[in-house]
Every structure is written in C-alpha cells, then in structure tokens.
PDB file of all heavy atoms in Angstrom:
ATOM      1  N   TRP A   1     -30.974 -26.942 -65.596  1.00  0.00           N
ATOM      2  CA  TRP A   1     -31.624 -27.812 -66.563  1.00  0.00           C
ATOM      3  C   TRP A   1     -33.098 -27.532 -66.507  1.00  0.00           C
ATOM      4  O   TRP A   1     -33.616 -27.648 -65.359  1.00  0.00           O
ATOM      5  CB  TRP A   1     -31.328 -29.303 -66.451  1.00  0.00           C
ATOM      6  CG  TRP A   1     -29.937 -29.709 -66.854  1.00  0.00           C
ATOM      7  CD1 TRP A   1     -28.898 -29.842 -66.135  1.00  0.00           C
ATOM      8  CD2 TRP A   1     -29.530 -30.104 -68.226  1.00  0.00           C
ATOM      9  NE1 TRP A   1     -27.795 -30.379 -66.901  1.00  0.00           N
ATOM     10  CE2 TRP A   1     -28.184 -30.442 -68.229  1.00  0.00           C
ATOM     11  CE3 TRP A   1     -30.202 -30.152 -69.484  1.00  0.00           C
ATOM     12  CZ2 TRP A   1     -27.523 -30.745 -69.342  1.00  0.00           C
ATOM     13  CZ3 TRP A   1     -29.538 -30.486 -70.603  1.00  0.00           C
ATOM     14  CH2 TRP A   1     -28.212 -30.767 -70.519  1.00  0.00           C
ATOM     15  N   PHE A   2     -33.703 -27.142 -67.578  1.00  0.00           N
ATOM     16  CA  PHE A   2     -35.145 -27.083 -67.746  1.00  0.00           C
ATOM     17  C   PHE A   2     -35.723 -28.042 -68.745  1.00  0.00           C
ATOM     18  O   PHE A   2     -34.936 -28.474 -69.627  1.00  0.00           O
ATOM     19  CB  PHE A   2     -35.455 -25.636 -68.128  1.00  0.00           C
ATOM     20  CG  PHE A   2     -35.280 -24.590 -67.019  1.00  0.00           C
ATOM     21  CD1 PHE A   2     -33.976 -24.116 -66.769  1.00  0.00           C
ATOM     22  CD2 PHE A   2     -36.308 -24.059 -66.328  1.00  0.00           C
ATOM     23  CE1 PHE A   2     -33.708 -23.232 -65.826  1.00  0.00           C
ATOM     24  CE2 PHE A   2     -35.996 -23.105 -65.383  1.00  0.00           C
ATOM     25  CZ  PHE A   2     -34.786 -22.628 -65.121  1.00  0.00           C
ATOM     26  N   ARG A   3     -36.973 -28.235 -68.668  1.00  0.00           N
ATOM     27  CA  ARG A   3     -37.610 -29.091 -69.709  1.00  0.00           C
ATOM     28  C   ARG A   3     -38.987 -28.588 -70.059  1.00  0.00           C
ATOM     29  O   ARG A   3     -39.683 -27.845 -69.300  1.00  0.00           O
ATOM     30  CB  ARG A   3     -37.754 -30.507 -69.181  1.00  0.00           C
ATOM     31  CG  ARG A   3     -38.740 -30.764 -67.968  1.00  0.00           C
ATOM     32  CD  ARG A   3     -38.565 -32.163 -67.481  1.00  0.00           C
ATOM     33  NE  ARG A   3     -39.604 -32.420 -66.532  1.00  0.00           N
ATOM     34  CZ  ARG A   3     -39.692 -33.613 -65.829  1.00  0.00           C
ATOM     35  NH1 ARG A   3     -38.742 -34.633 -66.107  1.00  0.00           N
ATOM     36  NH2 ARG A   3     -40.586 -33.816 -64.909  1.00  0.00           N
ATOM     37  N   GLN A   4     -39.465 -28.832 -71.297  1.00  0.00           N
ATOM     38  CA  GLN A   4     -40.665 -28.395 -71.809  1.00  0.00           C
ATOM     39  C   GLN A   4     -41.389 -29.452 -72.599  1.00  0.00           C
ATOM     40  O   GLN A   4     -40.825 -29.912 -73.628  1.00  0.00           O
ATOM     41  CB  GLN A   4     -40.564 -27.128 -72.612  1.00  0.00           C
ATOM     42  CG  GLN A   4     -41.843 -26.572 -72.986  1.00  0.00           C
ATOM     43  CD  GLN A   4     -41.678 -25.054 -73.565  1.00  0.00           C
ATOM     44  OE1 GLN A   4     -40.697 -24.736 -74.048  1.00  0.00           O
ATOM     45  NE2 GLN A   4     -42.705 -24.320 -73.446  1.00  0.00           N
ATOM     46  N   ALA A   5     -42.535 -29.999 -72.086  1.00  0.00           N
ATOM     47  CA  ALA A   5     -43.326 -30.978 -72.722  1.00  0.00           C
ATOM     48  C   ALA A   5     -44.353 -30.283 -73.633  1.00  0.00           C
ATOM     49  O   ALA A   5     -44.737 -29.163 -73.379  1.00  0.00           O
ATOM     50  CB  ALA A   5     -44.014 -31.898 -71.705  1.00  0.00           C
ATOM     51  N   PRO A   6     -44.772 -31.011 -74.676  1.00  0.00           N
ATOM     52  CA  PRO A   6     -45.782 -30.453 -75.598  1.00  0.00           C
ATOM     53  C   PRO A   6     -46.945 -29.994 -74.667  1.00  0.00           C
ATOM     54  O   PRO A   6     -47.584 -30.749 -73.980  1.00  0.00           O
ATOM     55  CB  PRO A   6     -46.173 -31.590 -76.539  1.00  0.00           C
ATOM     56  CG  PRO A   6     -44.957 -32.498 -76.501  1.00  0.00           C
ATOM     57  CD  PRO A   6     -44.399 -32.355 -75.061  1.00  0.00           C
ATOM     58  N   GLY A   7     -47.475 -28.824 -75.039  1.00  0.00           N
ATOM     59  CA  GLY A   7     -48.620 -28.225 -74.362  1.00  0.00           C
ATOM     60  C   GLY A   7     -48.437 -27.688 -72.961  1.00  0.00           C
ATOM     61  O   GLY A   7     -49.427 -27.259 -72.328  1.00  0.00           O
ATOM     62  N   LYS A   8     -47.230 -27.789 -72.532  1.00  0.00           N
ATOM     63  CA  LYS A   8     -46.822 -27.269 -71.114  1.00  0.00           C
ATOM     64  C   LYS A   8     -45.852 -26.183 -71.076  1.00  0.00           C
ATOM     65  O   LYS A   8     -45.079 -26.028 -72.084  1.00  0.00           O
ATOM     66  CB  LYS A   8     -46.386 -28.546 -70.300  1.00  0.00           C
ATOM     67  CG  LYS A   8     -47.379 -29.675 -69.976  1.00  0.00           C
ATOM     68  CD  LYS A   8     -46.889 -30.647 -69.008  1.00  0.00           C
ATOM     69  CE  LYS A   8     -47.815 -31.670 -68.664  1.00  0.00           C
ATOM     70  NZ  LYS A   8     -47.308 -32.704 -67.711  1.00  0.00           N
ATOM     71  N   GLU A   9     -45.833 -25.459 -69.999  1.00  0.00           N
ATOM     72  CA  GLU A   9     -44.811 -24.455 -69.795  1.00  0.00           C
ATOM     73  C   GLU A   9     -43.522 -25.026 -69.436  1.00  0.00           C
ATOM     74  O   GLU A   9     -43.418 -26.139 -68.814  1.00  0.00           O
ATOM     75  CB  GLU A   9     -45.342 -23.573 -68.722  1.00  0.00           C
ATOM     76  CG  GLU A   9     -44.592 -22.210 -68.463  1.00  0.00           C
ATOM     77  CD  GLU A   9     -45.217 -21.268 -67.486  1.00  0.00           C
ATOM     78  OE1 GLU A   9     -46.381 -21.471 -67.117  1.00  0.00           O
ATOM     79  OE2 GLU A   9     -44.506 -20.408 -66.987  1.00  0.00           O
ATOM     80  N   ARG A  10     -42.450 -24.306 -69.804  1.00  0.00           N
ATOM     81  CA  ARG A  10     -41.104 -24.839 -69.411  1.00  0.00           C
ATOM     82  C   ARG A  10     -40.931 -24.725 -67.955  1.00  0.00           C
ATOM     83  O   ARG A  10     -41.368 -23.873 -67.178  1.00  0.00           O
ATOM     84  CB  ARG A  10     -40.141 -23.757 -70.091  1.00  0.00           C
ATOM     85  CG  ARG A  10     -38.726 -24.170 -69.804  1.00  0.00           C
ATOM     86  CD  ARG A  10     -37.683 -23.294 -70.586  1.00  0.00           C
ATOM     87  NE  ARG A  10     -37.977 -23.369 -72.085  1.00  0.00           N
ATOM     88  CZ  ARG A  10     -37.279 -22.686 -72.955  1.00  0.00           C
ATOM     89  NH1 ARG A  10     -36.183 -22.080 -72.549  1.00  0.00           N
ATOM     90  NH2 ARG A  10     -37.550 -22.766 -74.242  1.00  0.00           N
ATOM     91  N   GLU A  11     -40.450 -25.900 -67.428  1.00  0.00           N
ATOM     92  CA  GLU A  11     -40.299 -26.000 -65.950  1.00  0.00           C
ATOM     93  C   GLU A  11     -38.878 -26.320 -65.532  1.00  0.00           C
ATOM     94  O   GLU A  11     -38.019 -26.974 -66.251  1.00  0.00           O
ATOM     95  CB  GLU A  11     -41.232 -27.185 -65.457  1.00  0.00           C
ATOM     96  CG  GLU A  11     -40.872 -28.614 -65.940  1.00  0.00           C
ATOM     97  CD  GLU A  11     -41.687 -29.593 -65.253  1.00  0.00           C
ATOM     98  OE1 GLU A  11     -42.414 -29.326 -64.335  1.00  0.00           O
ATOM     99  OE2 GLU A  11     -41.607 -30.774 -65.673  1.00  0.00           O
ATOM    100  N   PHE A  12     -38.566 -25.901 -64.359  1.00  0.00           N
ATOM    101  CA  PHE A  12     -37.184 -26.164 -63.889  1.00  0.00           C
ATOM    102  C   PHE A  12     -37.044 -27.534 -63.387  1.00  0.00           C
ATOM    103  O   PHE A  12     -38.009 -28.181 -62.910  1.00  0.00           O
ATOM    104  CB  PHE A  12     -36.996 -25.301 -62.595  1.00  0.00           C
ATOM    105  CG  PHE A  12     -35.848 -25.478 -61.777  1.00  0.00           C
ATOM    106  CD1 PHE A  12     -34.525 -25.089 -62.126  1.00  0.00           C
ATOM    107  CD2 PHE A  12     -35.850 -26.223 -60.534  1.00  0.00           C
ATOM    108  CE1 PHE A  12     -33.420 -25.416 -61.399  1.00  0.00           C
ATOM    109  CE2 PHE A  12     -34.738 -26.556 -59.751  1.00  0.00           C
ATOM    110  CZ  PHE A  12     -33.568 -26.121 -60.187  1.00  0.00           C
ATOM    111  N   GLY A  13     -35.813 -28.121 -63.761  1.00  0.00           N
ATOM    112  CA  GLY A  13     -35.549 -29.493 -63.321  1.00  0.00           C
ATOM    113  C   GLY A  13     -34.386 -29.536 -62.205  1.00  0.00           C
ATOM    114  O   GLY A  13     -34.694 -30.197 -61.113  1.00  0.00           O
ATOM    115  N   ALA A  14     -33.290 -28.980 -62.447  1.00  0.00           N
ATOM    116  CA  ALA A  14     -32.211 -29.128 -61.592  1.00  0.00           C
ATOM    117  C   ALA A  14     -31.198 -27.960 -61.816  1.00  0.00           C
ATOM    118  O   ALA A  14     -31.144 -27.323 -62.911  1.00  0.00           O
ATOM    119  CB  ALA A  14     -31.332 -30.415 -61.860  1.00  0.00           C
ATOM    120  N   GLY A  15     -30.511 -27.472 -60.694  1.00  0.00           N
ATOM    121  CA  GLY A  15     -29.588 -26.385 -60.780  1.00  0.00           C
ATOM    122  C   GLY A  15     -28.319 -26.669 -60.036  1.00  0.00           C
ATOM    123  O   GLY A  15     -28.386 -27.525 -59.110  1.00  0.00           O
ATOM    124  N   ILE A  16     -27.249 -26.050 -60.325  1.00  0.00           N
ATOM    125  CA  ILE A  16     -25.894 -26.329 -59.672  1.00  0.00           C
ATOM    126  C   ILE A  16     -25.132 -24.977 -59.622  1.00  0.00           C
ATOM    127  O   ILE A  16     -25.216 -24.196 -60.481  1.00  0.00           O
ATOM    128  CB  ILE A  16     -25.183 -27.482 -60.350  1.00  0.00           C
ATOM    129  CG1 ILE A  16     -23.965 -27.818 -59.539  1.00  0.00           C
ATOM    130  CG2 ILE A  16     -24.735 -26.965 -61.816  1.00  0.00           C
ATOM    131  CD1 ILE A  16     -23.356 -29.100 -60.122  1.00  0.00           C
ATOM    132  N   SER A  17     -24.530 -24.786 -58.489  1.00  0.00           N
ATOM    133  CA  SER A  17     -23.749 -23.536 -58.281  1.00  0.00           C
ATOM    134  C   SER A  17     -22.455 -23.571 -59.076  1.00  0.00           C
ATOM    135  O   SER A  17     -22.109 -24.630 -59.653  1.00  0.00           O
ATOM    136  CB  SER A  17     -23.449 -23.368 -56.737  1.00  0.00           C
ATOM    137  OG  SER A  17     -22.712 -24.485 -56.212  1.00  0.00           O
ATOM    138  N   TRP A  18     -21.749 -22.456 -59.017  1.00  0.00           N
ATOM    139  CA  TRP A  18     -20.597 -22.277 -59.922  1.00  0.00           C
ATOM    140  C   TRP A  18     -19.447 -23.319 -59.753  1.00  0.00           C
ATOM    141  O   TRP A  18     -18.785 -23.623 -60.662  1.00  0.00           O
ATOM    142  CB  TRP A  18     -20.016 -20.880 -59.704  1.00  0.00           C
ATOM    143  CG  TRP A  18     -19.277 -20.728 -58.259  1.00  0.00           C
ATOM    144  CD1 TRP A  18     -19.939 -20.419 -57.118  1.00  0.00           C
ATOM    145  CD2 TRP A  18     -17.938 -20.975 -58.026  1.00  0.00           C
ATOM    146  NE1 TRP A  18     -19.056 -20.365 -56.056  1.00  0.00           N
ATOM    147  CE2 TRP A  18     -17.810 -20.647 -56.641  1.00  0.00           C
ATOM    148  CE3 TRP A  18     -16.839 -21.341 -58.730  1.00  0.00           C
ATOM    149  CZ2 TRP A  18     -16.531 -20.895 -55.935  1.00  0.00           C
ATOM    150  CZ3 TRP A  18     -15.616 -21.516 -58.024  1.00  0.00           C
ATOM    151  CH2 TRP A  18     -15.500 -21.155 -56.700  1.00  0.00           C
ATOM    152  N   ASN A  19     -19.319 -23.826 -58.416  1.00  0.00           N
ATOM    153  CA  ASN A  19     -18.269 -24.817 -58.172  1.00  0.00           C
ATOM    154  C   ASN A  19     -18.846 -26.192 -57.919  1.00  0.00           C
ATOM    155  O   ASN A  19     -18.151 -27.102 -57.489  1.00  0.00           O
ATOM    156  CB  ASN A  19     -17.355 -24.385 -57.021  1.00  0.00           C
ATOM    157  CG  ASN A  19     -18.287 -24.305 -55.700  1.00  0.00           C
ATOM    158  OD1 ASN A  19     -19.391 -24.365 -55.704  1.00  0.00           O
ATOM    159  ND2 ASN A  19     -17.467 -24.070 -54.666  1.00  0.00           N
ATOM    160  N   GLY A  20     -20.174 -26.387 -58.143  1.00  0.00           N
ATOM    161  CA  GLY A  20     -20.730 -27.661 -57.851  1.00  0.00           C
ATOM    162  C   GLY A  20     -21.029 -27.956 -56.394  1.00  0.00           C
ATOM    163  O   GLY A  20     -21.503 -29.018 -56.096  1.00  0.00           O
ATOM    164  N   GLY A  21     -20.835 -26.985 -55.470  1.00  0.00           N
ATOM    165  CA  GLY A  21     -20.967 -27.214 -54.091  1.00  0.00           C
ATOM    166  C   GLY A  21     -22.433 -27.278 -53.676  1.00  0.00           C
ATOM    167  O   GLY A  21     -22.657 -27.861 -52.555  1.00  0.00           O
ATOM    168  N   SER A  22     -23.330 -26.720 -54.402  1.00  0.00           N
ATOM    169  CA  SER A  22     -24.694 -26.694 -54.012  1.00  0.00           C
ATOM    170  C   SER A  22     -25.552 -27.130 -55.285  1.00  0.00           C
ATOM    171  O   SER A  22     -25.270 -26.709 -56.401  1.00  0.00           O
ATOM    172  CB  SER A  22     -25.273 -25.298 -53.661  1.00  0.00           C
ATOM    173  OG  SER A  22     -24.470 -24.859 -52.513  1.00  0.00           O
ATOM    174  N   THR A  23     -26.604 -27.910 -54.938  1.00  0.00           N
ATOM    175  CA  THR A  23     -27.580 -28.357 -56.018  1.00  0.00           C
ATOM    176  C   THR A  23     -28.970 -28.141 -55.469  1.00  0.00           C
ATOM    177  O   THR A  23     -29.262 -28.193 -54.330  1.00  0.00           O
ATOM    178  CB  THR A  23     -27.257 -29.789 -56.457  1.00  0.00           C
ATOM    179  OG1 THR A  23     -27.391 -30.620 -55.341  1.00  0.00           O
ATOM    180  CG2 THR A  23     -25.903 -30.006 -57.071  1.00  0.00           C
ATOM    181  N   VAL A  24     -29.910 -28.111 -56.398  1.00  0.00           N
ATOM    182  CA  VAL A  24     -31.341 -28.003 -56.087  1.00  0.00           C
ATOM    183  C   VAL A  24     -32.107 -28.708 -57.141  1.00  0.00           C
ATOM    184  O   VAL A  24     -31.724 -28.626 -58.342  1.00  0.00           O
ATOM    185  CB  VAL A  24     -31.745 -26.582 -55.974  1.00  0.00           C
ATOM    186  CG1 VAL A  24     -31.625 -25.835 -57.286  1.00  0.00           C
ATOM    187  CG2 VAL A  24     -33.221 -26.473 -55.491  1.00  0.00           C
TER     188      VAL A  24
END
C-alpha cells in the first residue's frame, strides 16, 4: 500500500509477503 498527498511524492505505507508471513 502506497499513498500520495497533494503536492507530495508517493510514499510507501505497508507491505506484505506472498503468504502473509512477513510485513513491513
């Protein structure tokens, strides 16, 4: 999941591995 606010660059929010075993 990424997000982009007005006037800002797109930024990383959260990530998850193929089986859900790892998140960041």
